[in-house]
Amino acid sequence: MTGSSDTDNKPIIESTRNGIVNSASMICRYFKVAHRDMVYLKFILEAYEGMNVMSTVDNKAGIIRIAIMPGFVDDMDGLLAELGRQVTLEPTMWHDELCTF
């Protein structure tokens, strides 16, 4: 990668124990989406492996959580803005005790 150094990965490495990311280090965003768009979003976001984890927190209401790895917030914000032009991503509040997935 151009312009990156070992220190760029330090927060991710420090937040990993036994191969599991410490969820406290994740930045979570919540969106209300149409049910028909959930699978599409899941496939697109899975293509960005290692940057985020999408999960459904309330299937009935159509609420999803996107947990973003530290260091990828700007990239994911750009991706989410572009996806928001294709599907309705309505930002919403959700009260998790911790940002877990």
PDB file of N, CA and C in Angstrom:
ATOM      1  N   MET A   1       0.837  -1.186   0.000  1.00  0.00           N
ATOM      2  CA  MET A   1       0.000   0.000   0.000  1.00  0.00           C
ATOM      3  C   MET A   1       0.876   1.241   0.000  1.00  0.00           C
ATOM      4  N   THR A   2       0.549   2.183  -0.788  1.00  0.00           N
ATOM      5  CA  THR A   2       1.299   3.409  -0.870  1.00  0.00           C
ATOM      6  C   THR A   2       0.951   4.310   0.301  1.00  0.00           C
ATOM      7  N   GLY A   3       1.991   4.877   0.929  1.00  0.00           N
ATOM      8  CA  GLY A   3       1.760   5.849   1.986  1.00  0.00           C
ATOM      9  C   GLY A   3       1.376   5.265   3.322  1.00  0.00           C
ATOM     10  N   SER A   4       1.384   3.943   3.486  1.00  0.00           N
ATOM     11  CA  SER A   4       1.031   3.370   4.774  1.00  0.00           C
ATOM     12  C   SER A   4       2.285   2.863   5.458  1.00  0.00           C
ATOM     13  N   SER A   5       2.182   2.719   6.753  1.00  0.00           N
ATOM     14  CA  SER A   5       3.302   2.205   7.521  1.00  0.00           C
ATOM     15  C   SER A   5       2.783   1.198   8.519  1.00  0.00           C
ATOM     16  N   ASP A   6       3.710   0.555   9.213  1.00  0.00           N
ATOM     17  CA  ASP A   6       3.306  -0.423  10.222  1.00  0.00           C
ATOM     18  C   ASP A   6       2.447   0.209  11.299  1.00  0.00           C
ATOM     19  N   THR A   7       2.661   1.494  11.578  1.00  0.00           N
ATOM     20  CA  THR A   7       1.878   2.149  12.625  1.00  0.00           C
ATOM     21  C   THR A   7       0.432   2.362  12.215  1.00  0.00           C
ATOM     22  N   ASP A   8       0.136   2.369  10.890  1.00  0.00           N
ATOM     23  CA  ASP A   8      -1.246   2.513  10.438  1.00  0.00           C
ATOM     24  C   ASP A   8      -2.106   1.357  10.917  1.00  0.00           C
ATOM     25  N   ASN A   9      -1.521   0.169  11.061  1.00  0.00           N
ATOM     26  CA  ASN A   9      -2.264  -1.017  11.469  1.00  0.00           C
ATOM     27  C   ASN A   9      -2.241  -1.239  12.980  1.00  0.00           C
ATOM     28  N   LYS A  10      -1.526  -0.440  13.703  1.00  0.00           N
ATOM     29  CA  LYS A  10      -1.360  -0.655  15.133  1.00  0.00           C
ATOM     30  C   LYS A  10      -2.683  -0.736  15.900  1.00  0.00           C
ATOM     31  N   PRO A  11      -3.648   0.189  15.720  1.00  0.00           N
ATOM     32  CA  PRO A  11      -4.898   0.068  16.482  1.00  0.00           C
ATOM     33  C   PRO A  11      -5.638  -1.230  16.203  1.00  0.00           C
ATOM     34  N   ILE A  12      -5.585  -1.713  14.959  1.00  0.00           N
ATOM     35  CA  ILE A  12      -6.274  -2.950  14.618  1.00  0.00           C
ATOM     36  C   ILE A  12      -5.574  -4.125  15.278  1.00  0.00           C
ATOM     37  N   ILE A  13      -4.258  -4.151  15.211  1.00  0.00           N
ATOM     38  CA  ILE A  13      -3.501  -5.240  15.813  1.00  0.00           C
ATOM     39  C   ILE A  13      -3.699  -5.249  17.327  1.00  0.00           C
ATOM     40  N   GLU A  14      -3.640  -4.090  17.948  1.00  0.00           N
ATOM     41  CA  GLU A  14      -3.821  -4.024  19.388  1.00  0.00           C
ATOM     42  C   GLU A  14      -5.229  -4.427  19.814  1.00  0.00           C
ATOM     43  N   SER A  15      -6.196  -4.230  18.945  1.00  0.00           N
ATOM     44  CA  SER A  15      -7.571  -4.545  19.314  1.00  0.00           C
ATOM     45  C   SER A  15      -7.934  -5.996  19.010  1.00  0.00           C
ATOM     46  N   THR A  16      -6.965  -6.776  18.556  1.00  0.00           N
ATOM     47  CA  THR A  16      -7.227  -8.160  18.204  1.00  0.00           C
ATOM     48  C   THR A  16      -6.656  -9.088  19.261  1.00  0.00           C
ATOM     49  N   ARG A  17      -7.469 -10.015  19.717  1.00  0.00           N
ATOM     50  CA  ARG A  17      -7.015 -11.028  20.652  1.00  0.00           C
ATOM     51  C   ARG A  17      -7.544 -12.371  20.175  1.00  0.00           C
ATOM     52  N   ASN A  18      -6.666 -13.325  19.960  1.00  0.00           N
ATOM     53  CA  ASN A  18      -7.035 -14.656  19.478  1.00  0.00           C
ATOM     54  C   ASN A  18      -7.809 -14.594  18.165  1.00  0.00           C
ATOM     55  N   GLY A  19      -7.467 -13.622  17.316  1.00  0.00           N
ATOM     56  CA  GLY A  19      -8.104 -13.531  16.007  1.00  0.00           C
ATOM     57  C   GLY A  19      -9.477 -12.890  16.016  1.00  0.00           C
ATOM     58  N   ILE A  20      -9.942 -12.427  17.176  1.00  0.00           N
ATOM     59  CA  ILE A  20     -11.253 -11.793  17.276  1.00  0.00           C
ATOM     60  C   ILE A  20     -11.055 -10.313  17.564  1.00  0.00           C
ATOM     61  N   VAL A  21     -11.687  -9.474  16.780  1.00  0.00           N
ATOM     62  CA  VAL A  21     -11.546  -8.034  16.962  1.00  0.00           C
ATOM     63  C   VAL A  21     -12.301  -7.603  18.199  1.00  0.00           C
ATOM     64  N   ASN A  22     -11.674  -6.774  19.004  1.00  0.00           N
ATOM     65  CA  ASN A  22     -12.313  -6.203  20.181  1.00  0.00           C
ATOM     66  C   ASN A  22     -13.393  -5.243  19.704  1.00  0.00           C
ATOM     67  N   SER A  23     -14.625  -5.551  19.995  1.00  0.00           N
ATOM     68  CA  SER A  23     -15.736  -4.751  19.485  1.00  0.00           C
ATOM     69  C   SER A  23     -15.727  -3.327  20.012  1.00  0.00           C
ATOM     70  N   ALA A  24     -15.056  -3.073  21.122  1.00  0.00           N
ATOM     71  CA  ALA A  24     -15.002  -1.715  21.657  1.00  0.00           C
ATOM     72  C   ALA A  24     -14.236  -0.785  20.726  1.00  0.00           C
ATOM     73  N   SER A  25     -13.399  -1.348  19.839  1.00  0.00           N
ATOM     74  CA  SER A  25     -12.629  -0.533  18.919  1.00  0.00           C
ATOM     75  C   SER A  25     -13.394  -0.226  17.631  1.00  0.00           C
ATOM     76  N   MET A  26     -14.533  -0.849  17.441  1.00  0.00           N
ATOM     77  CA  MET A  26     -15.314  -0.660  16.221  1.00  0.00           C
ATOM     78  C   MET A  26     -16.144   0.620  16.312  1.00  0.00           C
ATOM     79  N   ILE A  27     -16.383   1.219  15.183  1.00  0.00           N
ATOM     80  CA  ILE A  27     -17.263   2.383  15.086  1.00  0.00           C
ATOM     81  C   ILE A  27     -18.548   1.879  14.442  1.00  0.00           C
ATOM     82  N   CYS A  28     -19.656   2.027  15.139  1.00  0.00           N
ATOM     83  CA  CYS A  28     -20.918   1.475  14.634  1.00  0.00           C
ATOM     84  C   CYS A  28     -21.829   2.555  14.091  1.00  0.00           C
ATOM     85  N   ARG A  29     -22.407   2.255  12.946  1.00  0.00           N
ATOM     86  CA  ARG A  29     -23.407   3.114  12.315  1.00  0.00           C
ATOM     87  C   ARG A  29     -24.662   2.279  12.128  1.00  0.00           C
ATOM     88  N   TYR A  30     -25.818   2.888  12.347  1.00  0.00           N
ATOM     89  CA  TYR A  30     -27.098   2.190  12.249  1.00  0.00           C
ATOM     90  C   TYR A  30     -27.952   2.850  11.173  1.00  0.00           C
ATOM     91  N   PHE A  31     -28.628   2.015  10.393  1.00  0.00           N
ATOM     92  CA  PHE A  31     -29.460   2.506   9.304  1.00  0.00           C
ATOM     93  C   PHE A  31     -30.752   1.707   9.235  1.00  0.00           C
ATOM     94  N   LYS A  32     -31.812   2.398   8.847  1.00  0.00           N
ATOM     95  CA  LYS A  32     -33.072   1.733   8.518  1.00  0.00           C
ATOM     96  C   LYS A  32     -33.048   1.548   7.004  1.00  0.00           C
ATOM     97  N   VAL A  33     -33.289   0.311   6.576  1.00  0.00           N
ATOM     98  CA  VAL A  33     -33.258  -0.006   5.147  1.00  0.00           C
ATOM     99  C   VAL A  33     -34.465  -0.858   4.796  1.00  0.00           C
ATOM    100  N   ALA A  34     -34.813  -0.849   3.533  1.00  0.00           N
ATOM    101  CA  ALA A  34     -35.896  -1.713   3.057  1.00  0.00           C
ATOM    102  C   ALA A  34     -35.403  -3.158   3.093  1.00  0.00           C
ATOM    103  N   HIS A  35     -36.288  -4.059   3.439  1.00  0.00           N
ATOM    104  CA  HIS A  35     -35.918  -5.472   3.509  1.00  0.00           C
ATOM    105  C   HIS A  35     -35.332  -5.972   2.185  1.00  0.00           C
ATOM    106  N   ARG A  36     -35.851  -5.502   1.094  1.00  0.00           N
ATOM    107  CA  ARG A  36     -35.386  -5.956  -0.219  1.00  0.00           C
ATOM    108  C   ARG A  36     -33.937  -5.542  -0.476  1.00  0.00           C
ATOM    109  N   ASP A  37     -33.438  -4.547   0.251  1.00  0.00           N
ATOM    110  CA  ASP A  37     -32.070  -4.065   0.043  1.00  0.00           C
ATOM    111  C   ASP A  37     -31.051  -4.688   0.993  1.00  0.00           C
ATOM    112  N   MET A  38     -31.505  -5.408   2.009  1.00  0.00           N
ATOM    113  CA  MET A  38     -30.584  -5.951   3.005  1.00  0.00           C
ATOM    114  C   MET A  38     -29.572  -6.918   2.408  1.00  0.00           C
ATOM    115  N   VAL A  39     -30.017  -7.832   1.589  1.00  0.00           N
ATOM    116  CA  VAL A  39     -29.102  -8.824   1.005  1.00  0.00           C
ATOM    117  C   VAL A  39     -28.124  -8.135   0.059  1.00  0.00           C
ATOM    118  N   TYR A  40     -28.614  -7.218  -0.749  1.00  0.00           N
ATOM    119  CA  TYR A  40     -27.736  -6.465  -1.654  1.00  0.00           C
ATOM    120  C   TYR A  40     -26.628  -5.769  -0.868  1.00  0.00           C
ATOM    121  N   LEU A  41     -27.014  -5.053   0.190  1.00  0.00           N
ATOM    122  CA  LEU A  41     -26.024  -4.347   1.010  1.00  0.00           C
ATOM    123  C   LEU A  41     -25.034  -5.317   1.648  1.00  0.00           C
ATOM    124  N   LYS A  42     -25.526  -6.439   2.137  1.00  0.00           N
ATOM    125  CA  LYS A  42     -24.659  -7.437   2.770  1.00  0.00           C
ATOM    126  C   LYS A  42     -23.598  -7.921   1.781  1.00  0.00           C
ATOM    127  N   PHE A  43     -24.002  -8.228   0.553  1.00  0.00           N
ATOM    128  CA  PHE A  43     -23.040  -8.701  -0.443  1.00  0.00           C
ATOM    129  C   PHE A  43     -22.022  -7.628  -0.798  1.00  0.00           C
ATOM    130  N   ILE A  44     -22.472  -6.410  -0.976  1.00  0.00           N
ATOM    131  CA  ILE A  44     -21.547  -5.320  -1.318  1.00  0.00           C
ATOM    132  C   ILE A  44     -20.567  -5.090  -0.171  1.00  0.00           C
ATOM    133  N   LEU A  45     -21.076  -4.999   1.056  1.00  0.00           N
ATOM    134  CA  LEU A  45     -20.201  -4.725   2.201  1.00  0.00           C
ATOM    135  C   LEU A  45     -19.252  -5.880   2.497  1.00  0.00           C
ATOM    136  N   GLU A  46     -19.675  -7.108   2.251  1.00  0.00           N
ATOM    137  CA  GLU A  46     -18.777  -8.248   2.447  1.00  0.00           C
ATOM    138  C   GLU A  46     -17.611  -8.209   1.473  1.00  0.00           C
ATOM    139  N   ALA A  47     -17.783  -7.577   0.331  1.00  0.00           N
ATOM    140  CA  ALA A  47     -16.695  -7.452  -0.636  1.00  0.00           C
ATOM    141  C   ALA A  47     -15.556  -6.604  -0.062  1.00  0.00           C
ATOM    142  N   TYR A  48     -15.860  -5.776   0.911  1.00  0.00           N
ATOM    143  CA  TYR A  48     -14.857  -4.942   1.576  1.00  0.00           C
ATOM    144  C   TYR A  48     -14.416  -5.628   2.859  1.00  0.00           C
ATOM    145  N   GLU A  49     -14.017  -6.864   2.723  1.00  0.00           N
ATOM    146  CA  GLU A  49     -13.631  -7.721   3.841  1.00  0.00           C
ATOM    147  C   GLU A  49     -12.534  -7.065   4.682  1.00  0.00           C
ATOM    148  N   GLY A  50     -12.712  -7.125   5.977  1.00  0.00           N
ATOM    149  CA  GLY A  50     -11.741  -6.557   6.898  1.00  0.00           C
ATOM    150  C   GLY A  50     -11.995  -5.105   7.236  1.00  0.00           C
ATOM    151  N   MET A  51     -12.890  -4.455   6.497  1.00  0.00           N
ATOM    152  CA  MET A  51     -13.196  -3.052   6.755  1.00  0.00           C
ATOM    153  C   MET A  51     -14.430  -2.885   7.626  1.00  0.00           C
ATOM    154  N   ASN A  52     -15.361  -3.834   7.544  1.00  0.00           N
ATOM    155  CA  ASN A  52     -16.631  -3.667   8.240  1.00  0.00           C
ATOM    156  C   ASN A  52     -17.314  -5.015   8.440  1.00  0.00           C
ATOM    157  N   VAL A  53     -18.311  -4.983   9.302  1.00  0.00           N
ATOM    158  CA  VAL A  53     -19.198  -6.129   9.500  1.00  0.00           C
ATOM    159  C   VAL A  53     -20.614  -5.576   9.542  1.00  0.00           C
ATOM    160  N   MET A  54     -21.471  -6.096   8.670  1.00  0.00           N
ATOM    161  CA  MET A  54     -22.872  -5.683   8.683  1.00  0.00           C
ATOM    162  C   MET A  54     -23.693  -6.765   9.361  1.00  0.00           C
ATOM    163  N   SER A  55     -24.602  -6.350  10.216  1.00  0.00           N
ATOM    164  CA  SER A  55     -25.520  -7.294  10.839  1.00  0.00           C
ATOM    165  C   SER A  55     -26.887  -6.632  10.993  1.00  0.00           C
ATOM    166  N   THR A  56     -27.895  -7.466  11.062  1.00  0.00           N
ATOM    167  CA  THR A  56     -29.261  -6.994  11.268  1.00  0.00           C
ATOM    168  C   THR A  56     -29.534  -6.974  12.759  1.00  0.00           C
ATOM    169  N   VAL A  57     -29.956  -5.833  13.274  1.00  0.00           N
ATOM    170  CA  VAL A  57     -30.256  -5.743  14.710  1.00  0.00           C
ATOM    171  C   VAL A  57     -31.748  -5.801  14.984  1.00  0.00           C
ATOM    172  N   ASP A  58     -32.570  -5.439  14.011  1.00  0.00           N
ATOM    173  CA  ASP A  58     -34.022  -5.537  14.151  1.00  0.00           C
ATOM    174  C   ASP A  58     -34.602  -5.812  12.765  1.00  0.00           C
ATOM    175  N   ASN A  59     -34.812  -7.084  12.482  1.00  0.00           N
ATOM    176  CA  ASN A  59     -35.279  -7.475  11.152  1.00  0.00           C
ATOM    177  C   ASN A  59     -36.655  -6.896  10.848  1.00  0.00           C
ATOM    178  N   LYS A  60     -37.532  -6.899  11.830  1.00  0.00           N
ATOM    179  CA  LYS A  60     -38.893  -6.409  11.611  1.00  0.00           C
ATOM    180  C   LYS A  60     -38.899  -4.932  11.207  1.00  0.00           C
ATOM    181  N   ALA A  61     -38.065  -4.132  11.887  1.00  0.00           N
ATOM    182  CA  ALA A  61     -38.002  -2.696  11.598  1.00  0.00           C
ATOM    183  C   ALA A  61     -37.037  -2.364  10.461  1.00  0.00           C
ATOM    184  N   GLY A  62     -36.233  -3.344  10.038  1.00  0.00           N
ATOM    185  CA  GLY A  62     -35.267  -3.104   8.963  1.00  0.00           C
ATOM    186  C   GLY A  62     -34.050  -2.317   9.414  1.00  0.00           C
ATOM    187  N   ILE A  63     -33.609  -2.539  10.642  1.00  0.00           N
ATOM    188  CA  ILE A  63     -32.450  -1.812  11.180  1.00  0.00           C
ATOM    189  C   ILE A  63     -31.203  -2.680  11.050  1.00  0.00           C
ATOM    190  N   ILE A  64     -30.181  -2.108  10.421  1.00  0.00           N
ATOM    191  CA  ILE A  64     -28.900  -2.793  10.304  1.00  0.00           C
ATOM    192  C   ILE A  64     -27.822  -2.012  11.057  1.00  0.00           C
ATOM    193  N   ARG A  65     -26.788  -2.733  11.448  1.00  0.00           N
ATOM    194  CA  ARG A  65     -25.622  -2.110  12.081  1.00  0.00           C
ATOM    195  C   ARG A  65     -24.431  -2.392  11.177  1.00  0.00           C
ATOM    196  N   ILE A  66     -23.648  -1.358  10.914  1.00  0.00           N
ATOM    197  CA  ILE A  66     -22.400  -1.524  10.197  1.00  0.00           C
ATOM    198  C   ILE A  66     -21.290  -1.154  11.172  1.00  0.00           C
ATOM    199  N   ALA A  67     -20.533  -2.177  11.585  1.00  0.00           N
ATOM    200  CA  ALA A  67     -19.409  -1.990  12.500  1.00  0.00           C
ATOM    201  C   ALA A  67     -18.170  -1.792  11.635  1.00  0.00           C
ATOM    202  N   ILE A  68     -17.522  -0.646  11.792  1.00  0.00           N
ATOM    203  CA  ILE A  68     -16.406  -0.263  10.938  1.00  0.00           C
ATOM    204  C   ILE A  68     -15.105  -0.363  11.725  1.00  0.00           C
ATOM    205  N   MET A  69     -14.117  -0.985  11.110  1.00  0.00           N
ATOM    206  CA  MET A  69     -12.804  -1.097  11.726  1.00  0.00           C
ATOM    207  C   MET A  69     -12.145   0.272  11.808  1.00  0.00           C
ATOM    208  N   PRO A  70     -11.403   0.523  12.888  1.00  0.00           N
ATOM    209  CA  PRO A  70     -10.663   1.788  12.985  1.00  0.00           C
ATOM    210  C   PRO A  70      -9.729   1.925  11.783  1.00  0.00           C
ATOM    211  N   GLY A  71      -9.596   3.117  11.296  1.00  0.00           N
ATOM    212  CA  GLY A  71      -8.735   3.371  10.140  1.00  0.00           C
ATOM    213  C   GLY A  71      -9.466   3.312   8.814  1.00  0.00           C
ATOM    214  N   PHE A  72     -10.709   2.827   8.817  1.00  0.00           N
ATOM    215  CA  PHE A  72     -11.468   2.706   7.572  1.00  0.00           C
ATOM    216  C   PHE A  72     -12.737   3.561   7.581  1.00  0.00           C
ATOM    217  N   VAL A  73     -12.885   4.423   8.559  1.00  0.00           N
ATOM    218  CA  VAL A  73     -14.117   5.212   8.688  1.00  0.00           C
ATOM    219  C   VAL A  73     -14.334   6.096   7.466  1.00  0.00           C
ATOM    220  N   ASP A  74     -13.294   6.810   7.022  1.00  0.00           N
ATOM    221  CA  ASP A  74     -13.460   7.696   5.860  1.00  0.00           C
ATOM    222  C   ASP A  74     -13.806   6.908   4.598  1.00  0.00           C
ATOM    223  N   ASP A  75     -13.125   5.774   4.406  1.00  0.00           N
ATOM    224  CA  ASP A  75     -13.419   4.941   3.236  1.00  0.00           C
ATOM    225  C   ASP A  75     -14.856   4.431   3.276  1.00  0.00           C
ATOM    226  N   MET A  76     -15.294   3.973   4.439  1.00  0.00           N
ATOM    227  CA  MET A  76     -16.654   3.451   4.570  1.00  0.00           C
ATOM    228  C   MET A  76     -17.688   4.559   4.436  1.00  0.00           C
ATOM    229  N   ASP A  77     -17.385   5.748   4.956  1.00  0.00           N
ATOM    230  CA  ASP A  77     -18.317   6.867   4.781  1.00  0.00           C
ATOM    231  C   ASP A  77     -18.525   7.166   3.301  1.00  0.00           C
ATOM    232  N   GLY A  78     -17.448   7.120   2.515  1.00  0.00           N
ATOM    233  CA  GLY A  78     -17.563   7.332   1.077  1.00  0.00           C
ATOM    234  C   GLY A  78     -18.377   6.240   0.411  1.00  0.00           C
ATOM    235  N   LEU A  79     -18.114   4.993   0.796  1.00  0.00           N
ATOM    236  CA  LEU A  79     -18.874   3.872   0.239  1.00  0.00           C
ATOM    237  C   LEU A  79     -20.348   3.971   0.617  1.00  0.00           C
ATOM    238  N   LEU A  80     -20.634   4.281   1.874  1.00  0.00           N
ATOM    239  CA  LEU A  80     -22.025   4.389   2.319  1.00  0.00           C
ATOM    240  C   LEU A  80     -22.743   5.546   1.619  1.00  0.00           C
ATOM    241  N   ALA A  81     -22.033   6.629   1.364  1.00  0.00           N
ATOM    242  CA  ALA A  81     -22.636   7.746   0.629  1.00  0.00           C
ATOM    243  C   ALA A  81     -23.012   7.302  -0.782  1.00  0.00           C
ATOM    244  N   GLU A  82     -22.129   6.545  -1.429  1.00  0.00           N
ATOM    245  CA  GLU A  82     -22.426   6.046  -2.779  1.00  0.00           C
ATOM    246  C   GLU A  82     -23.571   5.045  -2.748  1.00  0.00           C
ATOM    247  N   LEU A  83     -23.550   4.127  -1.782  1.00  0.00           N
ATOM    248  CA  LEU A  83     -24.648   3.158  -1.667  1.00  0.00           C
ATOM    249  C   LEU A  83     -25.969   3.862  -1.388  1.00  0.00           C
ATOM    250  N   GLY A  84     -25.920   4.970  -0.660  1.00  0.00           N
ATOM    251  CA  GLY A  84     -27.117   5.749  -0.361  1.00  0.00           C
ATOM    252  C   GLY A  84     -27.749   6.367  -1.593  1.00  0.00           C
ATOM    253  N   ARG A  85     -27.004   6.441  -2.682  1.00  0.00           N
ATOM    254  CA  ARG A  85     -27.563   6.920  -3.956  1.00  0.00           C
ATOM    255  C   ARG A  85     -28.317   5.806  -4.678  1.00  0.00           C
ATOM    256  N   GLN A  86     -28.043   4.555  -4.280  1.00  0.00           N
ATOM    257  CA  GLN A  86     -28.653   3.404  -4.946  1.00  0.00           C
ATOM    258  C   GLN A  86     -29.812   2.808  -4.154  1.00  0.00           C
ATOM    259  N   VAL A  87     -29.698   2.851  -2.836  1.00  0.00           N
ATOM    260  CA  VAL A  87     -30.739   2.324  -1.946  1.00  0.00           C
ATOM    261  C   VAL A  87     -30.961   3.338  -0.823  1.00  0.00           C
ATOM    262  N   THR A  88     -32.085   3.233  -0.153  1.00  0.00           N
ATOM    263  CA  THR A  88     -32.363   4.139   0.948  1.00  0.00           C
ATOM    264  C   THR A  88     -31.662   3.641   2.203  1.00  0.00           C
ATOM    265  N   LEU A  89     -30.727   4.438   2.699  1.00  0.00           N
ATOM    266  CA  LEU A  89     -30.025   4.187   3.961  1.00  0.00           C
ATOM    267  C   LEU A  89     -30.378   5.336   4.898  1.00  0.00           C
ATOM    268  N   GLU A  90     -31.353   5.135   5.733  1.00  0.00           N
ATOM    269  CA  GLU A  90     -31.800   6.188   6.637  1.00  0.00           C
ATOM    270  C   GLU A  90     -31.064   6.040   7.971  1.00  0.00           C
ATOM    271  N   PRO A  91     -30.129   6.957   8.272  1.00  0.00           N
ATOM    272  CA  PRO A  91     -29.422   6.854   9.551  1.00  0.00           C
ATOM    273  C   PRO A  91     -30.418   6.851  10.710  1.00  0.00           C
ATOM    274  N   THR A  92     -30.143   6.027  11.697  1.00  0.00           N
ATOM    275  CA  THR A  92     -31.036   5.913  12.836  1.00  0.00           C
ATOM    276  C   THR A  92     -30.224   5.693  14.104  1.00  0.00           C
ATOM    277  N   MET A  93     -30.832   5.911  15.226  1.00  0.00           N
ATOM    278  CA  MET A  93     -30.189   5.668  16.524  1.00  0.00           C
ATOM    279  C   MET A  93     -30.558   4.271  16.987  1.00  0.00           C
ATOM    280  N   TRP A  94     -29.616   3.612  17.637  1.00  0.00           N
ATOM    281  CA  TRP A  94     -29.861   2.306  18.222  1.00  0.00           C
ATOM    282  C   TRP A  94     -29.038   2.236  19.491  1.00  0.00           C
ATOM    283  N   HIS A  95     -29.594   1.652  20.513  1.00  0.00           N
ATOM    284  CA  HIS A  95     -28.918   1.656  21.807  1.00  0.00           C
ATOM    285  C   HIS A  95     -28.366   0.279  22.137  1.00  0.00           C
ATOM    286  N   ASP A  96     -27.144   0.018  21.653  1.00  0.00           N
ATOM    287  CA  ASP A  96     -26.411  -1.179  22.054  1.00  0.00           C
ATOM    288  C   ASP A  96     -25.649  -0.839  23.321  1.00  0.00           C
ATOM    289  N   GLU A  97     -25.563  -1.796  24.222  1.00  0.00           N
ATOM    290  CA  GLU A  97     -24.735  -1.573  25.403  1.00  0.00           C
ATOM    291  C   GLU A  97     -23.287  -1.376  24.950  1.00  0.00           C
ATOM    292  N   LEU A  98     -22.849  -2.208  24.039  1.00  0.00           N
ATOM    293  CA  LEU A  98     -21.553  -2.092  23.396  1.00  0.00           C
ATOM    294  C   LEU A  98     -21.748  -2.297  21.907  1.00  0.00           C
ATOM    295  N   CYS A  99     -20.875  -1.783  21.123  1.00  0.00           N
ATOM    296  CA  CYS A  99     -20.924  -2.021  19.690  1.00  0.00           C
ATOM    297  C   CYS A  99     -20.364  -3.420  19.466  1.00  0.00           C
ATOM    298  N   THR A 100     -21.244  -4.413  19.455  1.00  0.00           N
ATOM    299  CA  THR A 100     -20.818  -5.790  19.274  1.00  0.00           C
ATOM    300  C   THR A 100     -21.439  -6.353  18.023  1.00  0.00           C
ATOM    301  N   PHE A 101     -20.885  -7.417  17.537  1.00  0.00           N
ATOM    302  CA  PHE A 101     -21.437  -8.068  16.348  1.00  0.00           C
ATOM    303  C   PHE A 101     -21.312  -9.547  16.455  1.00  0.00           C
TER     304      PHE A 101
END
